[in-house]
PDB file of all heavy atoms in Angstrom:
ATOM      1  N   GLU A   1      14.661 -14.229   3.935  1.00  0.00           N
ATOM      2  CA  GLU A   1      14.109 -14.818   2.690  1.00  0.00           C
ATOM      3  C   GLU A   1      13.406 -16.065   2.948  1.00  0.00           C
ATOM      4  O   GLU A   1      13.858 -16.935   3.742  1.00  0.00           O
ATOM      5  CB  GLU A   1      15.380 -15.184   1.741  1.00  0.00           C
ATOM      6  CG  GLU A   1      15.007 -15.705   0.310  1.00  0.00           C
ATOM      7  CD  GLU A   1      16.293 -15.782  -0.608  1.00  0.00           C
ATOM      8  OE1 GLU A   1      17.097 -14.863  -0.559  1.00  0.00           O
ATOM      9  OE2 GLU A   1      16.324 -16.780  -1.311  1.00  0.00           O
ATOM     10  N   ILE A   2      12.368 -16.346   2.276  1.00  0.00           N
ATOM     11  CA  ILE A   2      11.519 -17.565   2.469  1.00  0.00           C
ATOM     12  C   ILE A   2      11.455 -18.317   1.192  1.00  0.00           C
ATOM     13  O   ILE A   2      11.139 -17.901   0.139  1.00  0.00           O
ATOM     14  CB  ILE A   2      10.018 -17.016   2.888  1.00  0.00           C
ATOM     15  CG1 ILE A   2       9.991 -16.409   4.083  1.00  0.00           C
ATOM     16  CG2 ILE A   2       9.126 -18.230   2.753  1.00  0.00           C
ATOM     17  CD1 ILE A   2       8.484 -16.091   4.660  1.00  0.00           C
ATOM     18  N   ASN A   3      11.799 -19.584   1.288  1.00  0.00           N
ATOM     19  CA  ASN A   3      11.681 -20.563   0.271  1.00  0.00           C
ATOM     20  C   ASN A   3      10.508 -21.477   0.426  1.00  0.00           C
ATOM     21  O   ASN A   3      10.416 -22.152   1.540  1.00  0.00           O
ATOM     22  CB  ASN A   3      12.976 -21.325   0.140  1.00  0.00           C
ATOM     23  CG  ASN A   3      14.185 -20.439  -0.256  1.00  0.00           C
ATOM     24  OD1 ASN A   3      14.132 -19.785  -1.244  1.00  0.00           O
ATOM     25  ND2 ASN A   3      15.241 -20.537   0.605  1.00  0.00           N
ATOM     26  N   VAL A   4       9.551 -21.511  -0.401  1.00  0.00           N
ATOM     27  CA  VAL A   4       8.381 -22.292  -0.313  1.00  0.00           C
ATOM     28  C   VAL A   4       8.506 -23.582  -1.281  1.00  0.00           C
ATOM     29  O   VAL A   4       8.828 -23.290  -2.422  1.00  0.00           O
ATOM     30  CB  VAL A   4       6.985 -21.552  -0.660  1.00  0.00           C
ATOM     31  CG1 VAL A   4       5.834 -22.367  -0.444  1.00  0.00           C
ATOM     32  CG2 VAL A   4       7.006 -20.374   0.196  1.00  0.00           C
ATOM     33  N   ILE A   5       8.164 -24.685  -0.692  1.00  0.00           N
ATOM     34  CA  ILE A   5       8.209 -25.962  -1.558  1.00  0.00           C
ATOM     35  C   ILE A   5       6.789 -26.575  -1.406  1.00  0.00           C
ATOM     36  O   ILE A   5       6.257 -26.850  -0.356  1.00  0.00           O
ATOM     37  CB  ILE A   5       9.183 -26.981  -1.109  1.00  0.00           C
ATOM     38  CG1 ILE A   5      10.583 -26.395  -1.200  1.00  0.00           C
ATOM     39  CG2 ILE A   5       9.100 -28.218  -1.973  1.00  0.00           C
ATOM     40  CD1 ILE A   5      11.654 -27.313  -0.659  1.00  0.00           C
ATOM     41  N   LEU A   6       6.085 -26.600  -2.531  1.00  0.00           N
ATOM     42  CA  LEU A   6       4.701 -26.985  -2.620  1.00  0.00           C
ATOM     43  C   LEU A   6       4.756 -28.286  -3.565  1.00  0.00           C
ATOM     44  O   LEU A   6       5.243 -28.163  -4.722  1.00  0.00           O
ATOM     45  CB  LEU A   6       3.788 -25.954  -3.146  1.00  0.00           C
ATOM     46  CG  LEU A   6       2.383 -26.328  -3.542  1.00  0.00           C
ATOM     47  CD1 LEU A   6       1.504 -26.649  -2.281  1.00  0.00           C
ATOM     48  CD2 LEU A   6       1.704 -25.322  -4.368  1.00  0.00           C
ATOM     49  N   LYS A   7       4.076 -29.333  -3.119  1.00  0.00           N
ATOM     50  CA  LYS A   7       3.944 -30.548  -4.004  1.00  0.00           C
ATOM     51  C   LYS A   7       2.580 -31.005  -4.047  1.00  0.00           C
ATOM     52  O   LYS A   7       1.804 -31.058  -3.108  1.00  0.00           O
ATOM     53  CB  LYS A   7       4.738 -31.782  -3.324  1.00  0.00           C
ATOM     54  CG  LYS A   7       6.301 -31.485  -3.280  1.00  0.00           C
ATOM     55  CD  LYS A   7       7.020 -32.632  -2.610  1.00  0.00           C
ATOM     56  CE  LYS A   7       8.523 -32.403  -2.546  1.00  0.00           C
ATOM     57  NZ  LYS A   7       9.339 -33.550  -2.025  1.00  0.00           N
ATOM     58  N   TYR A   8       2.135 -31.339  -5.397  1.00  0.00           N
ATOM     59  CA  TYR A   8       0.785 -31.701  -5.570  1.00  0.00           C
ATOM     60  C   TYR A   8       0.647 -32.536  -6.775  1.00  0.00           C
ATOM     61  O   TYR A   8       1.666 -32.509  -7.554  1.00  0.00           O
ATOM     62  CB  TYR A   8      -0.230 -30.511  -5.659  1.00  0.00           C
ATOM     63  CG  TYR A   8       0.009 -29.716  -6.958  1.00  0.00           C
ATOM     64  CD1 TYR A   8      -0.787 -29.881  -8.073  1.00  0.00           C
ATOM     65  CD2 TYR A   8       0.840 -28.497  -6.911  1.00  0.00           C
ATOM     66  CE1 TYR A   8      -0.536 -29.033  -9.193  1.00  0.00           C
ATOM     67  CE2 TYR A   8       1.018 -27.730  -8.022  1.00  0.00           C
ATOM     68  CZ  TYR A   8       0.292 -27.989  -9.166  1.00  0.00           C
ATOM     69  OH  TYR A   8       0.454 -27.170 -10.309  1.00  0.00           O
ATOM     70  N   VAL A   9      -0.270 -33.359  -6.822  1.00  0.00           N
ATOM     71  CA  VAL A   9      -0.459 -34.165  -8.067  1.00  0.00           C
ATOM     72  C   VAL A   9      -1.796 -33.739  -8.673  1.00  0.00           C
ATOM     73  O   VAL A   9      -2.748 -33.290  -8.025  1.00  0.00           O
ATOM     74  CB  VAL A   9      -0.598 -35.752  -7.749  1.00  0.00           C
ATOM     75  CG1 VAL A   9       0.846 -36.208  -7.406  1.00  0.00           C
ATOM     76  CG2 VAL A   9      -1.527 -35.949  -6.734  1.00  0.00           C
ATOM     77  N   GLU A  10      -1.911 -33.876 -10.064  1.00  0.00           N
ATOM     78  CA  GLU A  10      -3.088 -33.381 -10.721  1.00  0.00           C
ATOM     79  C   GLU A  10      -3.459 -34.355 -11.825  1.00  0.00           C
ATOM     80  O   GLU A  10      -2.545 -34.996 -12.563  1.00  0.00           O
ATOM     81  CB  GLU A  10      -2.859 -31.973 -11.351  1.00  0.00           C
ATOM     82  CG  GLU A  10      -4.049 -31.448 -11.930  1.00  0.00           C
ATOM     83  CD  GLU A  10      -4.028 -29.876 -11.894  1.00  0.00           C
ATOM     84  OE1 GLU A  10      -2.915 -29.327 -11.743  1.00  0.00           O
ATOM     85  OE2 GLU A  10      -5.100 -29.188 -12.263  1.00  0.00           O
ATOM     86  N   PHE A  11      -4.707 -34.644 -11.917  1.00  0.00           N
ATOM     87  CA  PHE A  11      -5.182 -35.663 -12.873  1.00  0.00           C
ATOM     88  C   PHE A  11      -5.464 -34.964 -14.183  1.00  0.00           C
ATOM     89  O   PHE A  11      -6.215 -33.935 -14.219  1.00  0.00           O
ATOM     90  CB  PHE A  11      -6.469 -36.382 -12.252  1.00  0.00           C
ATOM     91  CG  PHE A  11      -6.946 -37.595 -13.048  1.00  0.00           C
ATOM     92  CD1 PHE A  11      -6.177 -38.811 -12.908  1.00  0.00           C
ATOM     93  CD2 PHE A  11      -8.092 -37.583 -13.798  1.00  0.00           C
ATOM     94  CE1 PHE A  11      -6.643 -39.837 -13.448  1.00  0.00           C
ATOM     95  CE2 PHE A  11      -8.531 -38.789 -14.442  1.00  0.00           C
ATOM     96  CZ  PHE A  11      -7.777 -39.848 -14.244  1.00  0.00           C
ATOM     97  N   ILE A  12      -4.890 -35.510 -15.271  1.00  0.00           N
ATOM     98  CA  ILE A  12      -5.034 -34.786 -16.568  1.00  0.00           C
ATOM     99  C   ILE A  12      -5.931 -35.591 -17.444  1.00  0.00           C
ATOM    100  O   ILE A  12      -5.869 -36.782 -17.711  1.00  0.00           O
ATOM    101  CB  ILE A  12      -3.707 -34.790 -17.232  1.00  0.00           C
ATOM    102  CG1 ILE A  12      -2.700 -34.098 -16.485  1.00  0.00           C
ATOM    103  CG2 ILE A  12      -3.852 -34.063 -18.556  1.00  0.00           C
ATOM    104  CD1 ILE A  12      -1.280 -34.010 -17.039  1.00  0.00           C
ATOM    105  N   ILE A  13      -7.117 -34.914 -17.833  1.00  0.00           N
ATOM    106  CA  ILE A  13      -8.230 -35.542 -18.606  1.00  0.00           C
ATOM    107  C   ILE A  13      -8.070 -34.994 -20.044  1.00  0.00           C
ATOM    108  O   ILE A  13      -8.136 -33.835 -20.169  1.00  0.00           O
ATOM    109  CB  ILE A  13      -9.577 -35.255 -18.031  1.00  0.00           C
ATOM    110  CG1 ILE A  13      -9.639 -35.978 -16.606  1.00  0.00           C
ATOM    111  CG2 ILE A  13     -10.666 -35.887 -18.966  1.00  0.00           C
ATOM    112  CD1 ILE A  13     -11.011 -35.625 -15.866  1.00  0.00           C
ATOM    113  N   PRO A  14      -7.963 -35.924 -21.039  1.00  0.00           N
ATOM    114  CA  PRO A  14      -7.871 -35.389 -22.357  1.00  0.00           C
ATOM    115  C   PRO A  14      -9.222 -34.727 -22.859  1.00  0.00           C
ATOM    116  O   PRO A  14     -10.286 -35.169 -22.524  1.00  0.00           O
ATOM    117  CB  PRO A  14      -7.572 -36.612 -23.255  1.00  0.00           C
ATOM    118  CG  PRO A  14      -8.056 -37.630 -22.400  1.00  0.00           C
ATOM    119  CD  PRO A  14      -8.007 -37.326 -20.890  1.00  0.00           C
ATOM    120  N   GLU A  15      -9.043 -33.710 -23.684  1.00  0.00           N
ATOM    121  CA  GLU A  15     -10.133 -33.100 -24.399  1.00  0.00           C
ATOM    122  C   GLU A  15      -9.942 -33.271 -25.857  1.00  0.00           C
ATOM    123  O   GLU A  15      -8.899 -32.881 -26.349  1.00  0.00           O
ATOM    124  CB  GLU A  15     -10.276 -31.627 -24.028  1.00  0.00           C
ATOM    125  CG  GLU A  15     -10.671 -31.343 -22.573  1.00  0.00           C
ATOM    126  CD  GLU A  15     -12.172 -31.589 -22.332  1.00  0.00           C
ATOM    127  OE1 GLU A  15     -12.910 -31.751 -23.274  1.00  0.00           O
ATOM    128  OE2 GLU A  15     -12.502 -31.755 -21.137  1.00  0.00           O
ATOM    129  N   ASN A  16     -10.965 -33.784 -26.578  1.00  0.00           N
ATOM    130  CA  ASN A  16     -10.854 -34.107 -27.982  1.00  0.00           C
ATOM    131  C   ASN A  16      -9.473 -34.838 -28.237  1.00  0.00           C
ATOM    132  O   ASN A  16      -8.831 -34.553 -29.244  1.00  0.00           O
ATOM    133  CB  ASN A  16     -10.872 -32.790 -28.782  1.00  0.00           C
ATOM    134  CG  ASN A  16     -12.259 -32.155 -28.568  1.00  0.00           C
ATOM    135  OD1 ASN A  16     -13.179 -32.698 -28.574  1.00  0.00           O
ATOM    136  ND2 ASN A  16     -12.086 -30.690 -28.524  1.00  0.00           N
ATOM    137  N   GLN A  17      -9.257 -35.861 -27.442  1.00  0.00           N
ATOM    138  CA  GLN A  17      -8.140 -36.721 -27.568  1.00  0.00           C
ATOM    139  C   GLN A  17      -6.725 -36.044 -27.452  1.00  0.00           C
ATOM    140  O   GLN A  17      -5.684 -36.591 -27.836  1.00  0.00           O
ATOM    141  CB  GLN A  17      -8.100 -37.496 -28.947  1.00  0.00           C
ATOM    142  CG  GLN A  17      -9.442 -38.361 -28.954  1.00  0.00           C
ATOM    143  CD  GLN A  17      -9.363 -39.215 -30.303  1.00  0.00           C
ATOM    144  OE1 GLN A  17      -9.463 -38.688 -31.234  1.00  0.00           O
ATOM    145  NE2 GLN A  17      -9.251 -40.489 -30.102  1.00  0.00           N
ATOM    146  N   SER A  18      -6.721 -34.752 -26.966  1.00  0.00           N
ATOM    147  CA  SER A  18      -5.524 -34.104 -26.761  1.00  0.00           C
ATOM    148  C   SER A  18      -5.266 -33.778 -25.224  1.00  0.00           C
ATOM    149  O   SER A  18      -6.230 -33.419 -24.481  1.00  0.00           O
ATOM    150  CB  SER A  18      -5.364 -32.798 -27.482  1.00  0.00           C
ATOM    151  OG  SER A  18      -4.319 -32.126 -27.208  1.00  0.00           O
ATOM    152  N   TYR A  19      -4.035 -34.031 -24.723  1.00  0.00           N
ATOM    153  CA  TYR A  19      -3.852 -33.867 -23.279  1.00  0.00           C
ATOM    154  C   TYR A  19      -3.182 -32.422 -23.131  1.00  0.00           C
ATOM    155  O   TYR A  19      -2.429 -32.051 -23.993  1.00  0.00           O
ATOM    156  CB  TYR A  19      -2.877 -34.902 -22.762  1.00  0.00           C
ATOM    157  CG  TYR A  19      -3.375 -36.292 -22.614  1.00  0.00           C
ATOM    158  CD1 TYR A  19      -3.561 -37.095 -23.657  1.00  0.00           C
ATOM    159  CD2 TYR A  19      -3.858 -36.669 -21.390  1.00  0.00           C
ATOM    160  CE1 TYR A  19      -4.029 -38.335 -23.534  1.00  0.00           C
ATOM    161  CE2 TYR A  19      -4.451 -37.979 -21.237  1.00  0.00           C
ATOM    162  CZ  TYR A  19      -4.507 -38.788 -22.292  1.00  0.00           C
ATOM    163  OH  TYR A  19      -4.938 -39.978 -22.233  1.00  0.00           O
ATOM    164  N   ARG A  20      -3.515 -31.805 -22.127  1.00  0.00           N
ATOM    165  CA  ARG A  20      -2.930 -30.409 -21.798  1.00  0.00           C
ATOM    166  C   ARG A  20      -2.578 -30.272 -20.418  1.00  0.00           C
ATOM    167  O   ARG A  20      -3.489 -30.406 -19.483  1.00  0.00           O
ATOM    168  CB  ARG A  20      -4.057 -29.352 -22.236  1.00  0.00           C
ATOM    169  CG  ARG A  20      -3.605 -28.014 -21.825  1.00  0.00           C
ATOM    170  CD  ARG A  20      -4.682 -26.897 -22.184  1.00  0.00           C
ATOM    171  NE  ARG A  20      -4.798 -26.812 -23.612  1.00  0.00           N
ATOM    172  CZ  ARG A  20      -5.578 -25.983 -24.189  1.00  0.00           C
ATOM    173  NH1 ARG A  20      -6.370 -25.105 -23.478  1.00  0.00           N
ATOM    174  NH2 ARG A  20      -5.748 -25.851 -25.572  1.00  0.00           N
ATOM    175  N   PHE A  21      -1.287 -29.982 -20.120  1.00  0.00           N
ATOM    176  CA  PHE A  21      -0.882 -29.623 -18.793  1.00  0.00           C
ATOM    177  C   PHE A  21      -0.644 -28.108 -18.650  1.00  0.00           C
ATOM    178  O   PHE A  21       0.012 -27.616 -19.590  1.00  0.00           O
ATOM    179  CB  PHE A  21       0.404 -30.375 -18.445  1.00  0.00           C
ATOM    180  CG  PHE A  21       0.991 -29.840 -17.081  1.00  0.00           C
ATOM    181  CD1 PHE A  21       0.395 -30.274 -15.916  1.00  0.00           C
ATOM    182  CD2 PHE A  21       2.084 -28.957 -17.148  1.00  0.00           C
ATOM    183  CE1 PHE A  21       0.975 -29.730 -14.736  1.00  0.00           C
ATOM    184  CE2 PHE A  21       2.570 -28.460 -15.962  1.00  0.00           C
ATOM    185  CZ  PHE A  21       2.015 -28.850 -14.699  1.00  0.00           C
ATOM    186  N   ILE A  22      -1.302 -27.523 -17.645  1.00  0.00           N
ATOM    187  CA  ILE A  22      -1.090 -26.087 -17.543  1.00  0.00           C
ATOM    188  C   ILE A  22      -0.481 -25.799 -16.081  1.00  0.00           C
ATOM    189  O   ILE A  22      -1.002 -26.306 -15.135  1.00  0.00           O
ATOM    190  CB  ILE A  22      -2.537 -25.363 -17.627  1.00  0.00           C
ATOM    191  CG1 ILE A  22      -3.266 -25.604 -18.951  1.00  0.00           C
ATOM    192  CG2 ILE A  22      -2.424 -23.972 -17.307  1.00  0.00           C
ATOM    193  CD1 ILE A  22      -4.580 -25.079 -19.063  1.00  0.00           C
ATOM    194  N   TYR A  23       0.549 -24.998 -16.194  1.00  0.00           N
ATOM    195  CA  TYR A  23       1.076 -24.542 -14.838  1.00  0.00           C
ATOM    196  C   TYR A  23       0.767 -22.972 -14.806  1.00  0.00           C
ATOM    197  O   TYR A  23       1.345 -22.209 -15.665  1.00  0.00           O
ATOM    198  CB  TYR A  23       2.592 -24.710 -14.686  1.00  0.00           C
ATOM    199  CG  TYR A  23       3.004 -24.049 -13.388  1.00  0.00           C
ATOM    200  CD1 TYR A  23       2.733 -24.606 -12.175  1.00  0.00           C
ATOM    201  CD2 TYR A  23       3.603 -22.789 -13.339  1.00  0.00           C
ATOM    202  CE1 TYR A  23       2.988 -23.994 -10.954  1.00  0.00           C
ATOM    203  CE2 TYR A  23       3.896 -22.194 -12.143  1.00  0.00           C
ATOM    204  CZ  TYR A  23       3.626 -22.893 -10.976  1.00  0.00           C
ATOM    205  OH  TYR A  23       3.860 -22.224  -9.713  1.00  0.00           O
ATOM    206  N   PRO A  24       0.030 -22.533 -13.857  1.00  0.00           N
ATOM    207  CA  PRO A  24      -0.414 -21.140 -13.753  1.00  0.00           C
ATOM    208  C   PRO A  24       0.802 -20.359 -13.232  1.00  0.00           C
ATOM    209  O   PRO A  24       1.333 -20.647 -12.131  1.00  0.00           O
ATOM    210  CB  PRO A  24      -1.579 -21.118 -12.833  1.00  0.00           C
ATOM    211  CG  PRO A  24      -1.374 -22.264 -12.029  1.00  0.00           C
ATOM    212  CD  PRO A  24      -0.727 -23.298 -12.881  1.00  0.00           C
ATOM    213  N   THR A  25       1.288 -19.319 -13.997  1.00  0.00           N
ATOM    214  CA  THR A  25       2.424 -18.582 -13.470  1.00  0.00           C
ATOM    215  C   THR A  25       2.027 -17.654 -12.327  1.00  0.00           C
ATOM    216  O   THR A  25       0.838 -17.308 -12.144  1.00  0.00           O
ATOM    217  CB  THR A  25       3.025 -17.698 -14.629  1.00  0.00           C
ATOM    218  OG1 THR A  25       1.982 -16.966 -15.191  1.00  0.00           O
ATOM    219  CG2 THR A  25       3.529 -18.593 -15.653  1.00  0.00           C
ATOM    220  N   VAL A  26       3.030 -17.383 -11.476  1.00  0.00           N
ATOM    221  CA  VAL A  26       2.796 -16.645 -10.336  1.00  0.00           C
ATOM    222  C   VAL A  26       2.312 -15.260 -10.551  1.00  0.00           C
ATOM    223  O   VAL A  26       2.878 -14.537 -11.435  1.00  0.00           O
ATOM    224  CB  VAL A  26       4.071 -16.611  -9.452  1.00  0.00           C
ATOM    225  CG1 VAL A  26       3.905 -15.819  -8.141  1.00  0.00           C
ATOM    226  CG2 VAL A  26       4.460 -18.082  -9.132  1.00  0.00           C
ATOM    227  N   VAL A  27       1.405 -14.808  -9.866  1.00  0.00           N
ATOM    228  CA  VAL A  27       0.854 -13.413  -9.915  1.00  0.00           C
ATOM    229  C   VAL A  27       1.492 -12.379  -8.973  1.00  0.00           C
ATOM    230  O   VAL A  27       1.273 -11.128  -9.085  1.00  0.00           O
ATOM    231  CB  VAL A  27      -0.710 -13.343  -9.643  1.00  0.00           C
ATOM    232  CG1 VAL A  27      -1.358 -14.135 -10.718  1.00  0.00           C
ATOM    233  CG2 VAL A  27      -0.965 -13.786  -8.292  1.00  0.00           C
ATOM    234  N   GLY A  28       2.334 -12.893  -8.117  1.00  0.00           N
ATOM    235  CA  GLY A  28       3.095 -12.001  -7.182  1.00  0.00           C
ATOM    236  C   GLY A  28       2.350 -11.661  -5.919  1.00  0.00           C
ATOM    237  O   GLY A  28       1.127 -12.096  -5.817  1.00  0.00           O
ATOM    238  N   PRO A  29       2.965 -10.884  -5.005  1.00  0.00           N
ATOM    239  CA  PRO A  29       2.365 -10.688  -3.700  1.00  0.00           C
ATOM    240  C   PRO A  29       1.176  -9.769  -3.776  1.00  0.00           C
ATOM    241  O   PRO A  29       1.104  -8.978  -4.723  1.00  0.00           O
ATOM    242  CB  PRO A  29       3.468 -10.032  -2.909  1.00  0.00           C
ATOM    243  CG  PRO A  29       4.416  -9.514  -3.931  1.00  0.00           C
ATOM    244  CD  PRO A  29       4.249 -10.345  -5.173  1.00  0.00           C
ATOM    245  N   ARG A  30       0.151  -9.956  -2.962  1.00  0.00           N
ATOM    246  CA  ARG A  30      -1.017  -9.117  -3.023  1.00  0.00           C
ATOM    247  C   ARG A  30      -1.144  -8.572  -1.461  1.00  0.00           C
ATOM    248  O   ARG A  30      -0.632  -8.958  -0.575  1.00  0.00           O
ATOM    249  CB  ARG A  30      -2.310  -9.852  -3.300  1.00  0.00           C
ATOM    250  CG  ARG A  30      -2.112 -10.623  -4.638  1.00  0.00           C
ATOM    251  CD  ARG A  30      -3.304 -11.366  -5.031  1.00  0.00           C
ATOM    252  NE  ARG A  30      -3.174 -12.043  -6.232  1.00  0.00           N
ATOM    253  CZ  ARG A  30      -4.093 -12.738  -6.867  1.00  0.00           C
ATOM    254  NH1 ARG A  30      -5.372 -12.657  -6.519  1.00  0.00           N
ATOM    255  NH2 ARG A  30      -3.823 -13.264  -8.095  1.00  0.00           N
ATOM    256  N   TYR A  31      -1.969  -7.421  -1.404  1.00  0.00           N
ATOM    257  CA  TYR A  31      -2.105  -6.620  -0.171  1.00  0.00           C
ATOM    258  C   TYR A  31      -3.558  -6.807   0.420  1.00  0.00           C
ATOM    259  O   TYR A  31      -4.552  -6.802  -0.407  1.00  0.00           O
ATOM    260  CB  TYR A  31      -1.733  -5.328  -0.376  1.00  0.00           C
ATOM    261  CG  TYR A  31      -2.058  -4.452   0.894  1.00  0.00           C
ATOM    262  CD1 TYR A  31      -1.143  -4.526   2.038  1.00  0.00           C
ATOM    263  CD2 TYR A  31      -3.098  -3.580   0.988  1.00  0.00           C
ATOM    264  CE1 TYR A  31      -1.411  -3.739   3.070  1.00  0.00           C
ATOM    265  CE2 TYR A  31      -3.326  -2.934   2.192  1.00  0.00           C
ATOM    266  CZ  TYR A  31      -2.394  -2.934   3.189  1.00  0.00           C
ATOM    267  OH  TYR A  31      -2.691  -2.232   4.334  1.00  0.00           O
ATOM    268  N   THR A  32      -3.719  -7.063   1.581  1.00  0.00           N
ATOM    269  CA  THR A  32      -4.934  -7.029   2.253  1.00  0.00           C
ATOM    270  C   THR A  32      -4.816  -6.416   3.648  1.00  0.00           C
ATOM    271  O   THR A  32      -3.746  -6.560   4.243  1.00  0.00           O
ATOM    272  CB  THR A  32      -5.626  -8.442   2.240  1.00  0.00           C
ATOM    273  OG1 THR A  32      -6.991  -8.256   2.860  1.00  0.00           O
ATOM    274  CG2 THR A  32      -4.802  -9.301   3.074  1.00  0.00           C
ATOM    275  N   ASN A  33      -5.893  -5.800   4.176  1.00  0.00           N
ATOM    276  CA  ASN A  33      -5.812  -5.428   5.572  1.00  0.00           C
ATOM    277  C   ASN A  33      -6.678  -6.298   6.515  1.00  0.00           C
ATOM    278  O   ASN A  33      -7.459  -7.080   5.901  1.00  0.00           O
ATOM    279  CB  ASN A  33      -6.279  -3.917   5.760  1.00  0.00           C
ATOM    280  CG  ASN A  33      -7.634  -3.700   5.242  1.00  0.00           C
ATOM    281  OD1 ASN A  33      -8.565  -4.429   5.669  1.00  0.00           O
ATOM    282  ND2 ASN A  33      -7.770  -2.685   4.422  1.00  0.00           N
ATOM    283  N   HIS A  34      -6.659  -6.186   7.695  1.00  0.00           N
ATOM    284  CA  HIS A  34      -7.234  -6.952   8.701  1.00  0.00           C
ATOM    285  C   HIS A  34      -8.847  -6.873   8.654  1.00  0.00           C
ATOM    286  O   HIS A  34      -9.412  -7.812   9.223  1.00  0.00           O
ATOM    287  CB  HIS A  34      -6.764  -6.825  10.101  1.00  0.00           C
ATOM    288  CG  HIS A  34      -5.278  -7.178  10.230  1.00  0.00           C
ATOM    289  ND1 HIS A  34      -4.782  -8.581  10.123  1.00  0.00           N
ATOM    290  CD2 HIS A  34      -4.147  -6.497  10.343  1.00  0.00           C
ATOM    291  CE1 HIS A  34      -3.458  -8.540  10.281  1.00  0.00           C
ATOM    292  NE2 HIS A  34      -3.097  -7.378  10.411  1.00  0.00           N
ATOM    293  N   THR A  35      -9.303  -5.944   8.115  1.00  0.00           N
ATOM    294  CA  THR A  35     -10.778  -5.636   8.173  1.00  0.00           C
ATOM    295  C   THR A  35     -11.495  -6.334   7.087  1.00  0.00           C
ATOM    296  O   THR A  35     -12.806  -6.470   7.098  1.00  0.00           O
ATOM    297  CB  THR A  35     -11.098  -4.157   8.148  1.00  0.00           C
ATOM    298  OG1 THR A  35     -10.633  -3.663   6.846  1.00  0.00           O
ATOM    299  CG2 THR A  35     -10.316  -3.398   9.336  1.00  0.00           C
ATOM    300  N   GLU A  36     -10.830  -6.853   6.120  1.00  0.00           N
ATOM    301  CA  GLU A  36     -11.523  -7.434   4.966  1.00  0.00           C
ATOM    302  C   GLU A  36     -11.937  -8.895   5.368  1.00  0.00           C
ATOM    303  O   GLU A  36     -11.374  -9.486   6.167  1.00  0.00           O
ATOM    304  CB  GLU A  36     -10.543  -7.505   3.762  1.00  0.00           C
ATOM    305  CG  GLU A  36     -10.261  -6.121   3.140  1.00  0.00           C
ATOM    306  CD  GLU A  36      -9.352  -6.307   1.913  1.00  0.00           C
ATOM    307  OE1 GLU A  36      -8.283  -7.030   2.080  1.00  0.00           O
ATOM    308  OE2 GLU A  36      -9.544  -5.580   0.983  1.00  0.00           O
ATOM    309  N   GLU A  37     -12.893  -9.435   4.635  1.00  0.00           N
ATOM    310  CA  GLU A  37     -13.484 -10.764   4.838  1.00  0.00           C
ATOM    311  C   GLU A  37     -12.430 -11.741   4.367  1.00  0.00           C
ATOM    312  O   GLU A  37     -11.549 -11.497   3.607  1.00  0.00           O
ATOM    313  CB  GLU A  37     -14.777 -10.805   4.257  1.00  0.00           C
ATOM    314  CG  GLU A  37     -15.813  -9.845   4.605  1.00  0.00           C
ATOM    315  CD  GLU A  37     -17.156 -10.063   3.893  1.00  0.00           C
ATOM    316  OE1 GLU A  37     -17.163 -11.015   2.993  1.00  0.00           O
ATOM    317  OE2 GLU A  37     -18.070  -9.418   4.197  1.00  0.00           O
ATOM    318  N   GLU A  38     -12.696 -12.962   4.821  1.00  0.00           N
ATOM    319  CA  GLU A  38     -11.846 -14.072   4.518  1.00  0.00           C
ATOM    320  C   GLU A  38     -11.737 -14.248   3.016  1.00  0.00           C
ATOM    321  O   GLU A  38     -10.749 -14.666   2.446  1.00  0.00           O
ATOM    322  CB  GLU A  38     -12.271 -15.311   5.166  1.00  0.00           C
ATOM    323  CG  GLU A  38     -12.006 -15.490   6.570  1.00  0.00           C
ATOM    324  CD  GLU A  38     -12.275 -16.811   7.073  1.00  0.00           C
ATOM    325  OE1 GLU A  38     -12.689 -17.663   6.282  1.00  0.00           O
ATOM    326  OE2 GLU A  38     -12.093 -17.091   8.252  1.00  0.00           O
ATOM    327  N   SER A  39     -12.733 -13.929   2.214  1.00  0.00           N
ATOM    328  CA  SER A  39     -12.721 -14.049   0.753  1.00  0.00           C
ATOM    329  C   SER A  39     -12.088 -13.044   0.077  1.00  0.00           C
ATOM    330  O   SER A  39     -12.152 -12.949  -1.112  1.00  0.00           O
ATOM    331  CB  SER A  39     -14.170 -14.233   0.255  1.00  0.00           C
ATOM    332  OG  SER A  39     -14.908 -13.055   0.584  1.00  0.00           O
ATOM    333  N   SER A  40     -11.257 -12.201   0.741  1.00  0.00           N
ATOM    334  CA  SER A  40     -10.730 -10.992   0.123  1.00  0.00           C
ATOM    335  C   SER A  40      -9.759 -11.484  -0.954  1.00  0.00           C
ATOM    336  O   SER A  40      -9.479 -10.567  -1.789  1.00  0.00           O
ATOM    337  CB  SER A  40     -10.005 -10.176   1.142  1.00  0.00           C
ATOM    338  OG  SER A  40      -8.999 -10.952   1.898  1.00  0.00           O
ATOM    339  N   PHE A  41      -9.273 -12.559  -0.835  1.00  0.00           N
ATOM    340  CA  PHE A  41      -8.323 -13.083  -1.838  1.00  0.00           C
ATOM    341  C   PHE A  41      -8.815 -13.012  -3.298  1.00  0.00           C
ATOM    342  O   PHE A  41      -8.186 -12.839  -4.267  1.00  0.00           O
ATOM    343  CB  PHE A  41      -7.628 -14.411  -1.621  1.00  0.00           C
ATOM    344  CG  PHE A  41      -8.677 -15.521  -1.793  1.00  0.00           C
ATOM    345  CD1 PHE A  41      -8.822 -16.083  -3.063  1.00  0.00           C
ATOM    346  CD2 PHE A  41      -9.262 -16.110  -0.575  1.00  0.00           C
ATOM    347  CE1 PHE A  41      -9.670 -17.204  -3.095  1.00  0.00           C
ATOM    348  CE2 PHE A  41     -10.230 -17.026  -0.690  1.00  0.00           C
ATOM    349  CZ  PHE A  41     -10.397 -17.601  -1.969  1.00  0.00           C
ATOM    350  N   GLU A  42     -10.169 -13.107  -3.481  1.00  0.00           N
ATOM    351  CA  GLU A  42     -10.847 -13.099  -4.701  1.00  0.00           C
ATOM    352  C   GLU A  42     -10.772 -11.687  -5.341  1.00  0.00           C
ATOM    353  O   GLU A  42     -11.004 -11.549  -6.505  1.00  0.00           O
ATOM    354  CB  GLU A  42     -12.195 -13.606  -4.491  1.00  0.00           C
ATOM    355  CG  GLU A  42     -12.271 -15.140  -4.132  1.00  0.00           C
ATOM    356  CD  GLU A  42     -13.674 -15.624  -3.883  1.00  0.00           C
ATOM    357  OE1 GLU A  42     -14.483 -14.794  -3.620  1.00  0.00           O
ATOM    358  OE2 GLU A  42     -13.892 -16.856  -4.185  1.00  0.00           O
TER     359      GLU A  42
END
């Protein structure tokens, strides 16, 4: 089992005087093979 801990800070800029914090939910594991280009994650 792998436990990942990621820490980051993010600058929140208001739009129309309203602040919005977004946490993108996890999309789950993805598959790629070794022959794909580096940009395959896209």
